[in-house]
Amino acid sequence: MYHHVKKLMFTVRVDEPSVSFGNMLLEQFGGANGELAAAMQYSIQGLNCEDPERKDLLMDIGTEELSHLEVVGCLARMHLKPSKFDRQAAEADPLIAIAGGGGVNLFNSQGNPWTADYLKITGELDVDLRSNIAAEARAKIVYERLINFCDDAGTKDALQFLMTREITHMKAFAAALESMKKPSFSIGKLAPTPGLVDQFFNDSTGAGDDGEIDTRGPWNEGGDWDFTESPALSEASTGTSPIMVESSPPVAPAGIAELLVEELRDILHAEKQLIKALPQMAEAARFDKLRELFERHLAETELQIDRLNECFTLLGETARAKPCKGMAGLVEEGQEVMAKGEKKEDAASDLGLIGAAQRVEHYEISAYTTAKNLAQQLRHSAVVELLSMSLAEEENADQLLNQVARSLMSVARMPAPVEQTTVET
C-alpha cells in the first residue's frame, strides 16, 4: 500500500521563478527519462519479479521515484506560477498557461504527452536491471544539463539532490545485477551461434571527409574477436560470404522423429504417475499455500496430458506411454519423504516435500526441453507450441515452490516462545 506524507523528500525553495526553466523541468516530470517513467518502470518490474530480494529493491526504488516526482512537480509548479497571471510569462508557453492553467501536467518539455512506451519491461530480471542502470544514467545527464541552465540557487540545490540519487540507484541496480552472478553476455536461455557471436564486421570502411579512419580497439581485436572485412564487399569479390552461419538442415537427420516420439511417451508415463502422486502430496502438506500449489499443479498436469495426446495426434502416432523409470524413482523417494515427514515439525515436513517436488519439476523441465528441441529440429511448430506451454508451467511451478520454501524457512528460523514461570513469594 502507499501512504502520502505531506512533506517533500527534499525541501524546495525557488527565489527567482522562470517559466521557461519550468518548461525545461517538465522533461523530468513527464519525459522519457523522467521520474514518472522511472517510478512506473521499477514498480511494474517489481510486481512481475519472482525473486523476493530483488523485488524488494525494485519496489523500494520505484517508491522513492514517486517522491522525486513530487519534488520535481513542486519545483516546476513554482517556476511556472507567473504564467497564471502574467501575460508575458504565459506567452513563454501557451500550452501550459492556457490548457494547463499554469501548472504541471504529464507532458515533457516539448508538450508531448507521457506514454507507457517509455517503459522498458521485459520480465527478465537481469535484462531489466541493465535497462534500469541505463535509465538512471540518462536521468543523471538530464539533471546535469538542467543544473547548468539554472540560475536559481534553491532550484540548483534540489536538482543536485535528485541528480545524486540517480547515482545511488545506479549503484544499487549494478550491485543487484552482479549479485546474480550471471556471465555478462548470458542473456536469456538460448545460446548464441558459435563463431558468429565473435565476428566483428568492418562495415564502415575508407577515409571520410573529416579524416575519419578505420580503427582497431578492444571492441574488435584481441581475445576471441574475429575481425572480418565488410561481408558485402567480400562476397561481391569472392562469390562467397564470410559470415559464419549455422542453420538446421532442410530434412532432419534420420532417427530424430522416432526419438521425439520416444521422449513424448516417456513424459506421458511420467505425468500419469504424477496424477497419482500429487493428491498424496497435497494431503501430506501442512501449510495451506503448499497444499494449494500441489492442487493447482495437479490441474496443470491433467492439461499437460491432454497436450501430449494432442502432440501424438499431430505426429500421427498412438498416444502410448512408455515406462518412465526416472519418474518412478522420484515418486518412490517422495513416498519416503512423506513417511518421514509424519514425525517432523510442520515447517521441516513441508520443506522436505518441497525438495521432493522440485526434483520432480527439474526432471520434467529437462524432459520437456529435450522434446521441444527435437520438435523444433523437425519443424513441428504446433508441437513446439504445445510443449512450450507445458514447459512454462513446470518452470513456474518450480519458482512458486521456491517462494513457499523461503516463507517456510522464515518460519523455521523463528525462535520458540519462552515459557514464563511465576514464582510465588
Protein backbone atom coordinates (compact mmCIF):
# COMPACT_ATOMS: atom_id res chain seq x y z
CA MET A 1 0.00 0.00 0.00
CA TYR A 2 1.04 3.60 -0.44
CA HIS A 3 0.71 6.41 2.07
CA HIS A 4 1.28 10.05 1.25
CA VAL A 5 3.10 12.14 3.86
CA LYS A 6 2.69 15.91 3.41
CA LYS A 7 6.41 16.53 3.46
CA LEU A 8 8.76 16.62 0.48
CA MET A 9 11.74 14.29 0.37
CA PHE A 10 13.80 17.45 -0.24
CA THR A 11 12.52 20.89 0.76
CA VAL A 12 12.09 23.02 -2.35
CA ARG A 13 12.93 26.72 -2.48
CA VAL A 14 12.62 28.94 -5.57
CA ASP A 15 13.73 32.56 -5.25
CA GLU A 16 13.51 33.66 -8.90
CA PRO A 17 10.80 31.84 -10.86
CA SER A 18 11.41 31.29 -14.57
CA VAL A 19 8.57 30.00 -16.73
CA SER A 20 10.95 28.92 -19.48
CA PHE A 21 13.01 26.93 -16.96
CA GLY A 22 9.81 25.46 -15.53
CA ASN A 23 9.11 24.18 -19.00
CA MET A 24 12.56 22.51 -19.07
CA LEU A 25 11.80 20.86 -15.72
CA LEU A 26 8.80 19.12 -17.26
CA GLU A 27 11.28 16.86 -19.05
CA GLN A 28 11.95 15.21 -15.68
CA PHE A 29 8.26 15.16 -14.80
CA GLY A 30 6.61 13.63 -17.85
CA GLY A 31 9.55 12.92 -20.16
CA ALA A 32 11.08 9.66 -21.35
CA ASN A 33 13.81 9.75 -18.70
CA GLY A 34 11.74 11.44 -16.02
CA GLU A 35 10.65 10.44 -12.56
CA LEU A 36 7.20 9.14 -13.50
CA ALA A 37 8.68 6.82 -16.10
CA ALA A 38 11.22 5.56 -13.57
CA ALA A 39 8.59 5.05 -10.86
CA MET A 40 6.33 3.09 -13.19
CA GLN A 41 9.16 1.05 -14.74
CA TYR A 42 10.69 -0.12 -11.46
CA SER A 43 7.34 -0.69 -9.71
CA ILE A 44 5.91 -2.81 -12.53
CA GLN A 45 9.18 -4.73 -12.81
CA GLY A 46 8.84 -5.32 -9.07
CA LEU A 47 5.27 -6.58 -9.40
CA ASN A 48 6.46 -9.07 -12.04
CA CYS A 49 9.58 -10.15 -10.13
CA GLU A 50 9.67 -13.71 -8.74
CA ASP A 51 12.87 -13.02 -6.77
CA PRO A 52 11.74 -11.66 -3.36
CA GLU A 53 15.07 -9.99 -2.52
CA ARG A 54 15.38 -8.05 -5.77
CA LYS A 55 11.62 -7.44 -5.82
CA ASP A 56 12.13 -5.51 -2.59
CA LEU A 57 14.90 -3.47 -4.22
CA LEU A 58 12.69 -2.58 -7.21
CA MET A 59 9.73 -1.60 -5.04
CA ASP A 60 11.94 0.50 -2.72
CA ILE A 61 13.43 2.49 -5.57
CA GLY A 62 10.17 2.67 -7.53
CA THR A 63 8.50 4.22 -4.47
CA GLU A 64 11.37 6.68 -3.99
CA GLU A 65 10.95 7.79 -7.60
CA LEU A 66 7.36 8.82 -6.77
CA SER A 67 8.84 11.07 -4.07
CA HIS A 68 11.21 12.51 -6.67
CA LEU A 69 8.24 13.13 -8.97
CA GLU A 70 6.65 15.18 -6.20
CA VAL A 71 9.82 17.23 -5.76
CA VAL A 72 10.15 17.90 -9.50
CA GLY A 73 6.44 18.72 -9.72
CA CYS A 74 6.68 21.27 -6.92
CA LEU A 75 9.79 22.82 -8.48
CA ALA A 76 8.13 23.09 -11.88
CA ARG A 77 4.90 24.49 -10.42
CA MET A 78 6.82 27.23 -8.57
CA HIS A 79 8.67 28.20 -11.73
CA LEU A 80 5.50 28.15 -13.83
CA LYS A 81 3.39 30.11 -11.36
CA PRO A 82 3.87 33.54 -13.07
CA SER A 83 2.14 32.18 -16.19
CA LYS A 84 -1.10 32.10 -14.20
CA PHE A 85 -1.40 35.90 -14.09
CA ASP A 86 1.35 37.47 -16.24
CA ARG A 87 0.66 37.59 -19.99
CA GLN A 88 4.32 37.91 -20.95
CA ALA A 89 5.15 34.88 -18.81
CA ALA A 90 2.19 32.99 -20.27
CA GLU A 91 3.41 33.66 -23.80
CA ALA A 92 6.58 31.67 -22.96
CA ASP A 93 4.44 28.55 -23.07
CA PRO A 94 0.79 28.95 -24.11
CA LEU A 95 0.12 25.22 -23.75
CA ILE A 96 0.91 25.34 -20.03
CA ALA A 97 -0.69 28.72 -19.42
CA ILE A 98 -3.92 28.26 -21.38
CA ALA A 99 -4.57 24.50 -21.41
CA GLY A 100 -2.97 23.70 -18.07
CA GLY A 101 -3.69 26.85 -16.08
CA GLY A 102 -0.04 27.45 -15.35
CA GLY A 103 0.51 24.14 -13.57
CA VAL A 104 2.27 20.88 -14.29
CA ASN A 105 0.83 18.10 -16.39
CA LEU A 106 2.03 14.81 -17.78
CA PHE A 107 3.91 16.35 -20.69
CA ASN A 108 7.57 16.65 -21.50
CA SER A 109 9.34 19.93 -22.27
CA GLN A 110 8.10 19.78 -25.89
CA GLY A 111 4.46 19.33 -24.91
CA ASN A 112 4.36 15.65 -25.86
CA PRO A 113 2.15 13.57 -23.53
CA TRP A 114 3.64 10.92 -21.28
CA THR A 115 3.30 7.39 -22.64
CA ALA A 116 3.86 3.89 -21.34
CA ASP A 117 6.06 3.37 -24.40
CA TYR A 118 8.80 4.97 -22.31
CA LEU A 119 8.90 1.90 -20.05
CA LYS A 120 11.41 -0.90 -20.55
CA ILE A 121 9.95 -4.05 -19.00
CA THR A 122 10.97 -7.46 -20.33
CA GLY A 123 10.23 -9.80 -17.41
CA GLU A 124 13.87 -10.99 -17.46
CA LEU A 125 15.38 -9.67 -14.24
CA ASP A 126 18.98 -9.28 -15.44
CA VAL A 127 17.86 -7.55 -18.65
CA ASP A 128 15.57 -5.20 -16.71
CA LEU A 129 18.33 -4.33 -14.26
CA ARG A 130 20.59 -3.37 -17.17
CA SER A 131 17.79 -1.16 -18.55
CA ASN A 132 17.42 0.46 -15.14
CA ILE A 133 21.13 1.25 -14.92
CA ALA A 134 20.93 2.91 -18.35
CA ALA A 135 17.76 4.80 -17.33
CA GLU A 136 19.44 6.21 -14.23
CA ALA A 137 22.47 7.23 -16.32
CA ARG A 138 20.25 9.10 -18.79
CA ALA A 139 18.34 10.81 -15.97
CA LYS A 140 21.63 11.86 -14.35
CA ILE A 141 22.67 13.59 -17.58
CA VAL A 142 19.32 15.39 -17.86
CA TYR A 143 19.67 16.70 -14.29
CA GLU A 144 23.22 17.78 -15.01
CA ARG A 145 22.05 19.80 -18.02
CA LEU A 146 19.21 21.34 -16.02
CA ILE A 147 21.69 22.46 -13.35
CA ASN A 148 23.91 24.02 -16.00
CA PHE A 149 20.98 26.06 -17.35
CA CYS A 150 19.70 27.12 -13.92
CA ASP A 151 20.42 30.44 -12.18
CA ASP A 152 18.28 29.91 -9.07
CA ALA A 153 20.28 28.70 -6.05
CA GLY A 154 17.40 26.88 -4.32
CA THR A 155 16.46 25.06 -7.51
CA LYS A 156 20.07 24.00 -8.03
CA ASP A 157 20.17 22.51 -4.54
CA ALA A 158 17.09 20.39 -5.24
CA LEU A 159 18.40 19.29 -8.63
CA GLN A 160 21.76 18.37 -7.10
CA PHE A 161 19.95 16.17 -4.58
CA LEU A 162 17.92 14.45 -7.30
CA MET A 163 20.96 14.00 -9.55
CA THR A 164 22.89 12.38 -6.72
CA ARG A 165 20.12 9.87 -6.04
CA GLU A 166 20.33 8.73 -9.67
CA ILE A 167 23.90 7.59 -8.98
CA THR A 168 22.75 5.88 -5.77
CA HIS A 169 20.18 3.92 -7.73
CA MET A 170 22.73 3.03 -10.41
CA LYS A 171 25.00 1.59 -7.69
CA ALA A 172 22.15 -0.43 -6.18
CA PHE A 173 20.98 -1.84 -9.53
CA ALA A 174 24.56 -2.66 -10.55
CA ALA A 175 25.20 -4.45 -7.24
CA ALA A 176 21.96 -6.43 -7.62
CA LEU A 177 22.94 -7.46 -11.15
CA GLU A 178 26.42 -8.50 -10.01
CA SER A 179 24.96 -10.50 -7.11
CA MET A 180 23.06 -12.67 -9.61
CA LYS A 181 26.49 -13.97 -10.74
CA LYS A 182 25.40 -14.32 -14.36
CA PRO A 183 28.05 -14.05 -17.09
CA SER A 184 27.95 -10.60 -18.67
CA PHE A 185 26.66 -11.78 -22.04
CA SER A 186 24.47 -14.63 -20.83
CA ILE A 187 21.10 -13.19 -21.85
CA GLY A 188 18.03 -15.41 -21.82
CA LYS A 189 18.30 -19.17 -22.21
CA LEU A 190 19.25 -19.82 -25.84
CA ALA A 191 22.96 -19.87 -26.64
CA PRO A 192 24.25 -17.69 -29.49
CA THR A 193 25.60 -19.25 -32.68
CA PRO A 194 29.25 -20.27 -32.11
CA GLY A 195 31.74 -18.41 -34.31
CA LEU A 196 29.19 -15.85 -35.45
CA VAL A 197 28.99 -14.36 -31.96
CA ASP A 198 32.70 -13.42 -32.11
CA GLN A 199 32.73 -11.97 -35.62
CA PHE A 200 33.20 -8.20 -35.86
CA PHE A 201 32.15 -6.87 -39.27
CA ASN A 202 34.19 -3.93 -40.55
CA ASP A 203 31.17 -2.47 -42.37
CA SER A 204 32.23 1.19 -42.25
CA THR A 205 35.37 1.50 -44.38
CA GLY A 206 37.53 4.05 -46.16
CA ALA A 207 38.54 7.59 -45.16
CA GLY A 208 35.91 10.27 -44.52
CA ASP A 209 35.91 13.93 -45.48
CA ASP A 210 36.69 14.91 -41.91
CA GLY A 211 39.55 12.46 -41.57
CA GLU A 212 37.58 9.52 -40.21
CA ILE A 213 39.54 6.29 -40.41
CA ASP A 214 39.15 2.59 -39.75
CA THR A 215 40.23 1.90 -36.19
CA ARG A 216 41.03 -1.11 -34.07
CA GLY A 217 40.48 -1.48 -30.35
CA PRO A 218 39.35 -3.93 -27.67
CA TRP A 219 35.91 -3.88 -29.30
CA ASN A 220 37.21 -5.58 -32.47
CA GLU A 221 40.61 -7.12 -31.75
CA GLY A 222 42.23 -9.39 -29.20
CA GLY A 223 40.53 -12.07 -27.18
CA ASP A 224 38.03 -14.13 -29.18
CA TRP A 225 37.38 -11.46 -31.82
CA ASP A 226 37.47 -12.45 -35.48
CA PHE A 227 37.89 -9.19 -37.42
CA THR A 228 36.02 -9.65 -40.70
CA GLU A 229 36.18 -7.22 -43.59
CA SER A 230 32.84 -5.97 -44.91
CA PRO A 231 30.81 -9.11 -45.78
CA ALA A 232 29.07 -7.29 -48.65
CA LEU A 233 32.34 -6.33 -50.38
CA SER A 234 33.93 -9.72 -49.66
CA GLU A 235 31.01 -11.65 -51.14
CA ALA A 236 30.96 -9.41 -54.21
CA SER A 237 34.66 -10.05 -54.89
CA THR A 238 34.94 -13.74 -53.97
CA GLY A 239 31.41 -15.02 -54.50
CA THR A 240 31.30 -16.49 -51.00
CA SER A 241 30.09 -14.99 -47.75
CA PRO A 242 32.49 -14.80 -44.78
CA ILE A 243 29.58 -14.77 -42.33
CA MET A 244 29.61 -17.83 -40.09
CA VAL A 245 26.03 -19.08 -40.02
CA GLU A 246 24.52 -22.15 -38.50
CA SER A 247 21.13 -23.47 -39.52
CA SER A 248 19.26 -26.72 -39.32
CA PRO A 249 19.22 -28.84 -42.48
CA PRO A 250 16.01 -28.83 -44.58
CA VAL A 251 15.49 -32.51 -43.69
CA ALA A 252 16.09 -33.68 -40.13
CA PRO A 253 18.68 -36.45 -39.68
CA ALA A 254 17.30 -39.98 -39.61
CA GLY A 255 16.05 -41.14 -36.24
CA ILE A 256 15.06 -37.71 -34.84
CA ALA A 257 11.32 -38.29 -35.38
CA GLU A 258 11.50 -41.66 -33.62
CA LEU A 259 13.46 -40.11 -30.77
CA LEU A 260 10.81 -37.40 -30.31
CA VAL A 261 8.04 -39.98 -30.10
CA GLU A 262 10.06 -41.97 -27.52
CA GLU A 263 10.57 -38.81 -25.43
CA LEU A 264 6.88 -37.96 -25.54
CA ARG A 265 5.88 -41.46 -24.48
CA ASP A 266 8.32 -41.27 -21.59
CA ILE A 267 6.89 -37.89 -20.50
CA LEU A 268 3.34 -39.19 -20.82
CA HIS A 269 4.05 -42.03 -18.38
CA ALA A 270 5.83 -39.60 -16.05
CA GLU A 271 2.81 -37.27 -15.99
CA LYS A 272 0.42 -40.16 -15.36
CA GLN A 273 2.48 -41.19 -12.35
CA LEU A 274 2.23 -37.61 -11.05
CA ILE A 275 -1.55 -37.65 -11.38
CA LYS A 276 -1.50 -40.33 -8.65
CA ALA A 277 1.30 -38.79 -6.55
CA LEU A 278 0.20 -35.14 -6.36
CA PRO A 279 -3.06 -35.76 -4.39
CA GLN A 280 -0.99 -37.66 -1.79
CA MET A 281 1.50 -34.78 -1.56
CA ALA A 282 -1.34 -32.27 -1.22
CA GLU A 283 -2.81 -34.33 1.63
CA ALA A 284 0.59 -34.56 3.35
CA ALA A 285 1.21 -30.78 3.14
CA ARG A 286 0.71 -28.93 6.43
CA PHE A 287 0.67 -25.33 5.13
CA ASP A 288 -2.28 -24.12 3.07
CA LYS A 289 -0.16 -22.41 0.40
CA LEU A 290 1.77 -25.59 -0.32
CA ARG A 291 -1.39 -27.69 -0.41
CA GLU A 292 -2.99 -25.22 -2.84
CA LEU A 293 0.12 -25.27 -5.01
CA PHE A 294 0.04 -29.08 -5.29
CA GLU A 295 -3.68 -28.99 -6.13
CA ARG A 296 -3.10 -26.31 -8.76
CA HIS A 297 -0.27 -28.29 -10.33
CA LEU A 298 -2.46 -31.39 -10.40
CA ALA A 299 -4.90 -29.49 -12.64
CA GLU A 300 -1.97 -28.31 -14.80
CA THR A 301 -0.69 -31.89 -15.08
CA GLU A 302 -4.06 -33.06 -16.36
CA LEU A 303 -3.91 -30.35 -19.05
CA GLN A 304 -0.35 -31.38 -19.88
CA ILE A 305 -1.51 -34.95 -20.53
CA ASP A 306 -4.16 -33.57 -22.88
CA ARG A 307 -1.45 -31.59 -24.72
CA LEU A 308 0.75 -34.69 -25.03
CA ASN A 309 -2.16 -36.62 -26.53
CA GLU A 310 -2.66 -33.76 -28.99
CA CYS A 311 1.07 -33.92 -29.88
CA PHE A 312 0.71 -37.61 -30.73
CA THR A 313 -2.28 -36.82 -32.94
CA LEU A 314 -0.32 -34.10 -34.78
CA LEU A 315 2.55 -36.54 -35.33
CA GLY A 316 0.22 -39.31 -36.49
CA GLU A 317 1.33 -41.59 -33.64
CA THR A 318 -0.51 -43.61 -31.00
CA ALA A 319 -0.64 -41.96 -27.58
CA ARG A 320 1.02 -44.87 -25.79
CA ALA A 321 3.02 -44.39 -22.58
CA LYS A 322 6.50 -45.86 -22.16
CA PRO A 323 7.51 -46.82 -18.59
CA CYS A 324 9.46 -43.89 -17.13
CA LYS A 325 11.88 -45.35 -14.58
CA GLY A 326 13.28 -41.93 -13.71
CA MET A 327 9.93 -40.59 -12.53
CA ALA A 328 9.16 -43.88 -10.78
CA GLY A 329 12.30 -43.42 -8.69
CA LEU A 330 11.45 -39.81 -7.87
CA VAL A 331 7.90 -40.76 -6.84
CA GLU A 332 9.30 -43.53 -4.61
CA GLU A 333 11.63 -41.00 -2.96
CA GLY A 334 8.64 -38.72 -2.45
CA GLN A 335 6.79 -41.52 -0.66
CA GLU A 336 9.75 -41.93 1.70
CA VAL A 337 9.84 -38.19 2.38
CA MET A 338 6.12 -38.19 3.24
CA ALA A 339 6.55 -41.14 5.58
CA LYS A 340 9.45 -39.48 7.44
CA GLY A 341 7.62 -36.14 7.48
CA GLU A 342 4.87 -37.53 9.70
CA LYS A 343 7.32 -37.42 12.62
CA LYS A 344 8.66 -33.91 11.89
CA GLU A 345 7.54 -30.39 12.75
CA ASP A 346 5.26 -28.66 10.21
CA ALA A 347 7.90 -26.48 8.51
CA ALA A 348 10.51 -29.23 8.32
CA SER A 349 7.98 -31.70 6.94
CA ASP A 350 6.82 -29.33 4.22
CA LEU A 351 10.36 -28.30 3.29
CA GLY A 352 11.10 -31.99 2.71
CA LEU A 353 8.02 -32.23 0.49
CA ILE A 354 9.14 -29.18 -1.49
CA GLY A 355 12.56 -30.75 -2.04
CA ALA A 356 10.97 -33.90 -3.44
CA ALA A 357 8.58 -31.86 -5.61
CA GLN A 358 11.38 -29.71 -7.01
CA ARG A 359 13.39 -32.77 -8.02
CA VAL A 360 10.33 -33.84 -9.98
CA GLU A 361 9.97 -30.38 -11.55
CA HIS A 362 13.60 -30.29 -12.66
CA TYR A 363 13.23 -33.75 -14.21
CA GLU A 364 10.16 -32.58 -16.14
CA ILE A 365 11.79 -29.31 -17.18
CA SER A 366 14.67 -31.29 -18.65
CA ALA A 367 12.33 -33.74 -20.41
CA TYR A 368 10.11 -31.05 -21.94
CA THR A 369 13.15 -29.01 -23.04
CA THR A 370 14.61 -32.03 -24.87
CA ALA A 371 11.29 -32.85 -26.55
CA LYS A 372 10.75 -29.22 -27.58
CA ASN A 373 14.23 -29.02 -29.12
CA LEU A 374 13.62 -32.19 -31.12
CA ALA A 375 10.27 -30.86 -32.34
CA GLN A 376 11.98 -27.62 -33.41
CA GLN A 377 14.55 -29.61 -35.36
CA LEU A 378 11.69 -31.38 -37.14
CA ARG A 379 9.91 -28.05 -37.73
CA HIS A 380 6.73 -29.24 -36.00
CA SER A 381 5.68 -25.72 -34.90
CA ALA A 382 2.33 -26.81 -33.43
CA VAL A 383 4.04 -29.48 -31.30
CA VAL A 384 6.68 -26.94 -30.21
CA GLU A 385 3.94 -24.56 -29.06
CA LEU A 386 2.17 -27.25 -27.01
CA LEU A 387 5.40 -28.41 -25.36
CA SER A 388 6.44 -24.80 -24.67
CA MET A 389 3.19 -24.21 -22.77
CA SER A 390 3.80 -27.23 -20.55
CA LEU A 391 7.46 -26.31 -20.08
CA ALA A 392 6.48 -22.80 -18.93
CA GLU A 393 4.07 -24.30 -16.38
CA GLU A 394 6.78 -26.59 -14.99
CA GLU A 395 9.23 -23.68 -14.68
CA ASN A 396 6.59 -21.55 -12.98
CA ALA A 397 5.73 -24.36 -10.55
CA ASP A 398 9.41 -24.59 -9.60
CA GLN A 399 9.53 -20.83 -8.93
CA LEU A 400 6.37 -20.99 -6.81
CA LEU A 401 7.85 -23.84 -4.78
CA ASN A 402 10.90 -21.64 -4.19
CA GLN A 403 8.68 -18.88 -2.84
CA VAL A 404 6.85 -21.20 -0.44
CA ALA A 405 10.19 -22.66 0.69
CA ARG A 406 11.51 -19.18 1.57
CA SER A 407 8.41 -18.48 3.64
CA LEU A 408 8.75 -21.79 5.48
CA MET A 409 12.44 -21.17 6.15
CA SER A 410 11.50 -17.88 7.82
CA VAL A 411 9.01 -19.76 9.99
CA ALA A 412 11.62 -22.40 10.84
CA ARG A 413 14.12 -19.70 11.93
CA MET A 414 11.68 -18.06 14.37
CA PRO A 415 12.76 -18.68 17.99
CA ALA A 416 10.43 -20.79 20.05
CA PRO A 417 8.37 -18.83 22.61
CA VAL A 418 9.97 -18.70 26.04
CA GLU A 419 7.82 -20.18 28.75
CA GLN A 420 7.40 -17.84 31.71
CA THR A 421 7.08 -19.18 35.22
CA THR A 422 5.61 -17.33 38.14
CA VAL A 423 7.42 -17.58 41.46
CA GLU A 424 5.24 -17.07 44.49
CA THR A 425 6.74 -15.19 47.38
